[in-house]
Amino acid sequence: MYRTDTTNKNKNINYNKKMKKCPECKANMIEKRSKTPDGISYEYFKCPKCKEEIVDMKQLHEVARKYRIMKKYHVKLTKWGLSYGLRIPQDIIKRDKLSKNKNLIIIPEEVGFRVIPEIY
């Protein structure tokens, strides 16, 4: 179970400093890395003695920042003549500076595919 350190009673708390002691058993905690089901990597602290796992606010904000960048879009596949097409949302068009007649590359993956702008 993950616990988020949300205590803000002590204004002198430095969230940039690495957590050293487990709040449950006072043992030294180890910083570890893992991934969410969506593939976002994150850091957390784990106690080797009691197995308590903690994500502090700095770590939690970093995961949230990565999720905002990775924002998912739901689009519908439509039939265009003998082919199929999908519409690319406007904010992706702006973010990646895409324009009409821009060539894109489709890369098949184990599950699904990736679409990236052709660069040259």
C-alpha atoms as a PDB file:
ATOM      1  CA  MET A   1       0.000   0.000   0.000  1.00  0.00           C
ATOM      2  CA  TYR A   2       1.289   3.451  -0.867  1.00  0.00           C
ATOM      3  CA  ARG A   3       1.067   6.332   1.536  1.00  0.00           C
ATOM      4  CA  THR A   4       1.465   9.967   0.566  1.00  0.00           C
ATOM      5  CA  ASP A   5       3.268  12.293   2.943  1.00  0.00           C
ATOM      6  CA  THR A   6       0.805  15.181   3.106  1.00  0.00           C
ATOM      7  CA  THR A   7       1.770  16.568   6.495  1.00  0.00           C
ATOM      8  CA  ASN A   8       2.426  20.239   6.135  1.00  0.00           C
ATOM      9  CA  LYS A   9       2.403  21.200   9.827  1.00  0.00           C
ATOM     10  CA  ASN A  10       6.118  21.886   9.929  1.00  0.00           C
ATOM     11  CA  LYS A  11       6.855  24.652   7.417  1.00  0.00           C
ATOM     12  CA  ASN A  12      10.584  23.817   7.630  1.00  0.00           C
ATOM     13  CA  ILE A  13      10.153  20.440   5.915  1.00  0.00           C
ATOM     14  CA  ASN A  14      12.543  20.169   2.980  1.00  0.00           C
ATOM     15  CA  TYR A  15      10.974  17.850   0.408  1.00  0.00           C
ATOM     16  CA  ASN A  16      14.164  17.959  -1.678  1.00  0.00           C
ATOM     17  CA  LYS A  17      16.032  16.129   1.086  1.00  0.00           C
ATOM     18  CA  LYS A  18      15.955  12.338   0.809  1.00  0.00           C
ATOM     19  CA  MET A  19      13.823  10.602   3.431  1.00  0.00           C
ATOM     20  CA  LYS A  20      16.033   8.519   5.699  1.00  0.00           C
ATOM     21  CA  LYS A  21      13.893   6.947   8.442  1.00  0.00           C
ATOM     22  CA  CYS A  22      10.744   4.852   8.208  1.00  0.00           C
ATOM     23  CA  PRO A  23       7.854   6.503  10.089  1.00  0.00           C
ATOM     24  CA  GLU A  24       6.665   3.071  11.268  1.00  0.00           C
ATOM     25  CA  CYS A  25       9.791   1.275  12.500  1.00  0.00           C
ATOM     26  CA  LYS A  26      12.476   4.037  12.238  1.00  0.00           C
ATOM     27  CA  ALA A  27      14.737   1.900  10.013  1.00  0.00           C
ATOM     28  CA  ASN A  28      16.668   3.532   7.176  1.00  0.00           C
ATOM     29  CA  MET A  29      14.568   3.630   4.006  1.00  0.00           C
ATOM     30  CA  ILE A  30      15.857   2.881   0.519  1.00  0.00           C
ATOM     31  CA  GLU A  31      14.900   4.946  -2.513  1.00  0.00           C
ATOM     32  CA  LYS A  32      13.594   2.701  -5.301  1.00  0.00           C
ATOM     33  CA  ARG A  33      12.220   3.102  -8.809  1.00  0.00           C
ATOM     34  CA  SER A  34       9.141   1.550 -10.348  1.00  0.00           C
ATOM     35  CA  LYS A  35       6.642   2.159 -13.158  1.00  0.00           C
ATOM     36  CA  THR A  36       2.929   2.797 -13.206  1.00  0.00           C
ATOM     37  CA  PRO A  37       0.722   0.547 -15.393  1.00  0.00           C
ATOM     38  CA  ASP A  38       0.987   3.286 -18.073  1.00  0.00           C
ATOM     39  CA  GLY A  39       4.792   3.071 -18.076  1.00  0.00           C
ATOM     40  CA  ILE A  40       5.495   6.271 -16.109  1.00  0.00           C
ATOM     41  CA  SER A  41       8.634   5.765 -14.016  1.00  0.00           C
ATOM     42  CA  TYR A  42       8.635   7.102 -10.477  1.00  0.00           C
ATOM     43  CA  GLU A  43      10.697   7.003  -7.314  1.00  0.00           C
ATOM     44  CA  TYR A  44       9.509   5.966  -3.870  1.00  0.00           C
ATOM     45  CA  PHE A  45      10.957   4.992  -0.519  1.00  0.00           C
ATOM     46  CA  LYS A  46      10.778   1.438   0.842  1.00  0.00           C
ATOM     47  CA  CYS A  47      11.656   0.208   4.296  1.00  0.00           C
ATOM     48  CA  PRO A  48      13.676  -3.015   4.113  1.00  0.00           C
ATOM     49  CA  LYS A  49      12.562  -3.957   7.621  1.00  0.00           C
ATOM     50  CA  CYS A  50       8.760  -3.479   7.732  1.00  0.00           C
ATOM     51  CA  LYS A  51       8.233  -3.137   3.911  1.00  0.00           C
ATOM     52  CA  GLU A  52       6.429   0.229   4.304  1.00  0.00           C
ATOM     53  CA  GLU A  53       6.367   2.131   0.974  1.00  0.00           C
ATOM     54  CA  ILE A  54       6.041   5.908   0.808  1.00  0.00           C
ATOM     55  CA  VAL A  55       5.758   8.396  -2.041  1.00  0.00           C
ATOM     56  CA  ASP A  56       6.523  11.921  -0.849  1.00  0.00           C
ATOM     57  CA  MET A  57       4.859  15.023  -2.298  1.00  0.00           C
ATOM     58  CA  LYS A  58       7.813  15.895  -4.558  1.00  0.00           C
ATOM     59  CA  GLN A  59       7.734  12.404  -6.067  1.00  0.00           C
ATOM     60  CA  LEU A  60       3.945  12.525  -6.417  1.00  0.00           C
ATOM     61  CA  HIS A  61       4.059  15.898  -8.199  1.00  0.00           C
ATOM     62  CA  GLU A  62       6.668  14.548 -10.619  1.00  0.00           C
ATOM     63  CA  VAL A  63       4.411  11.593 -11.535  1.00  0.00           C
ATOM     64  CA  ALA A  64       1.468  13.994 -12.037  1.00  0.00           C
ATOM     65  CA  ARG A  65       3.653  16.212 -14.280  1.00  0.00           C
ATOM     66  CA  LYS A  66       4.610  13.199 -16.418  1.00  0.00           C
ATOM     67  CA  TYR A  67       0.943  12.153 -16.732  1.00  0.00           C
ATOM     68  CA  ARG A  68      -0.053  15.645 -17.872  1.00  0.00           C
ATOM     69  CA  ILE A  69       2.622  15.477 -20.588  1.00  0.00           C
ATOM     70  CA  MET A  70       1.479  11.995 -21.606  1.00  0.00           C
ATOM     71  CA  LYS A  71      -2.182  13.065 -21.833  1.00  0.00           C
ATOM     72  CA  LYS A  72      -4.143  10.425 -23.710  1.00  0.00           C
ATOM     73  CA  TYR A  73      -6.549  11.106 -26.535  1.00  0.00           C
ATOM     74  CA  HIS A  74      -9.465   9.039 -27.712  1.00  0.00           C
ATOM     75  CA  VAL A  75     -10.032   9.221 -31.458  1.00  0.00           C
ATOM     76  CA  LYS A  76     -12.296   7.305 -33.791  1.00  0.00           C
ATOM     77  CA  LEU A  77     -11.001   5.378 -36.795  1.00  0.00           C
ATOM     78  CA  THR A  78     -13.018   6.313 -39.883  1.00  0.00           C
ATOM     79  CA  LYS A  79     -13.157   4.943 -43.447  1.00  0.00           C
ATOM     80  CA  TRP A  80     -11.725   7.295 -46.094  1.00  0.00           C
ATOM     81  CA  GLY A  81     -12.173   5.689 -49.507  1.00  0.00           C
ATOM     82  CA  LEU A  82     -10.251   2.408 -49.482  1.00  0.00           C
ATOM     83  CA  SER A  83      -8.187   3.458 -46.442  1.00  0.00           C
ATOM     84  CA  TYR A  84      -8.827   4.290 -42.823  1.00  0.00           C
ATOM     85  CA  GLY A  85      -7.893   7.494 -41.068  1.00  0.00           C
ATOM     86  CA  LEU A  86      -7.970   9.194 -37.732  1.00  0.00           C
ATOM     87  CA  ARG A  87      -8.097  12.849 -36.786  1.00  0.00           C
ATOM     88  CA  ILE A  88      -5.267  14.332 -34.748  1.00  0.00           C
ATOM     89  CA  PRO A  89      -6.441  16.687 -31.972  1.00  0.00           C
ATOM     90  CA  GLN A  90      -5.604  20.380 -32.463  1.00  0.00           C
ATOM     91  CA  ASP A  91      -3.395  20.686 -29.355  1.00  0.00           C
ATOM     92  CA  ILE A  92      -1.138  17.894 -30.681  1.00  0.00           C
ATOM     93  CA  ILE A  93      -1.003  19.654 -34.068  1.00  0.00           C
ATOM     94  CA  LYS A  94       0.146  22.853 -32.312  1.00  0.00           C
ATOM     95  CA  ARG A  95       2.510  21.140 -29.858  1.00  0.00           C
ATOM     96  CA  ASP A  96       4.338  19.197 -32.603  1.00  0.00           C
ATOM     97  CA  LYS A  97       4.054  21.997 -35.184  1.00  0.00           C
ATOM     98  CA  LEU A  98       2.314  19.758 -37.707  1.00  0.00           C
ATOM     99  CA  SER A  99       0.829  21.206 -40.884  1.00  0.00           C
ATOM    100  CA  LYS A 100      -1.202  20.148 -43.908  1.00  0.00           C
ATOM    101  CA  ASN A 101       0.621  17.567 -46.067  1.00  0.00           C
ATOM    102  CA  LYS A 102       3.235  16.906 -43.358  1.00  0.00           C
ATOM    103  CA  ASN A 103       4.587  13.367 -43.704  1.00  0.00           C
ATOM    104  CA  LEU A 104       4.169  11.101 -40.686  1.00  0.00           C
ATOM    105  CA  ILE A 105       5.727   7.725 -39.960  1.00  0.00           C
ATOM    106  CA  ILE A 106       3.666   4.842 -38.539  1.00  0.00           C
ATOM    107  CA  ILE A 107       5.736   2.417 -36.486  1.00  0.00           C
ATOM    108  CA  PRO A 108       4.028  -0.888 -35.666  1.00  0.00           C
ATOM    109  CA  GLU A 109       4.685  -2.046 -32.105  1.00  0.00           C
ATOM    110  CA  GLU A 110       3.989  -5.268 -30.253  1.00  0.00           C
ATOM    111  CA  VAL A 111       0.637  -3.827 -29.212  1.00  0.00           C
ATOM    112  CA  GLY A 112      -0.656  -0.950 -31.335  1.00  0.00           C
ATOM    113  CA  PHE A 113       1.489   1.544 -33.197  1.00  0.00           C
ATOM    114  CA  ARG A 114       3.251   4.885 -32.843  1.00  0.00           C
ATOM    115  CA  VAL A 115       2.854   7.857 -35.172  1.00  0.00           C
ATOM    116  CA  ILE A 116       5.768  10.298 -35.362  1.00  0.00           C
ATOM    117  CA  PRO A 117       6.510  13.279 -37.639  1.00  0.00           C
ATOM    118  CA  GLU A 118       9.045  12.631 -40.375  1.00  0.00           C
ATOM    119  CA  ILE A 119      12.149  14.733 -39.697  1.00  0.00           C
ATOM    120  CA  TYR A 120      14.337  16.006 -42.530  1.00  0.00           C
END
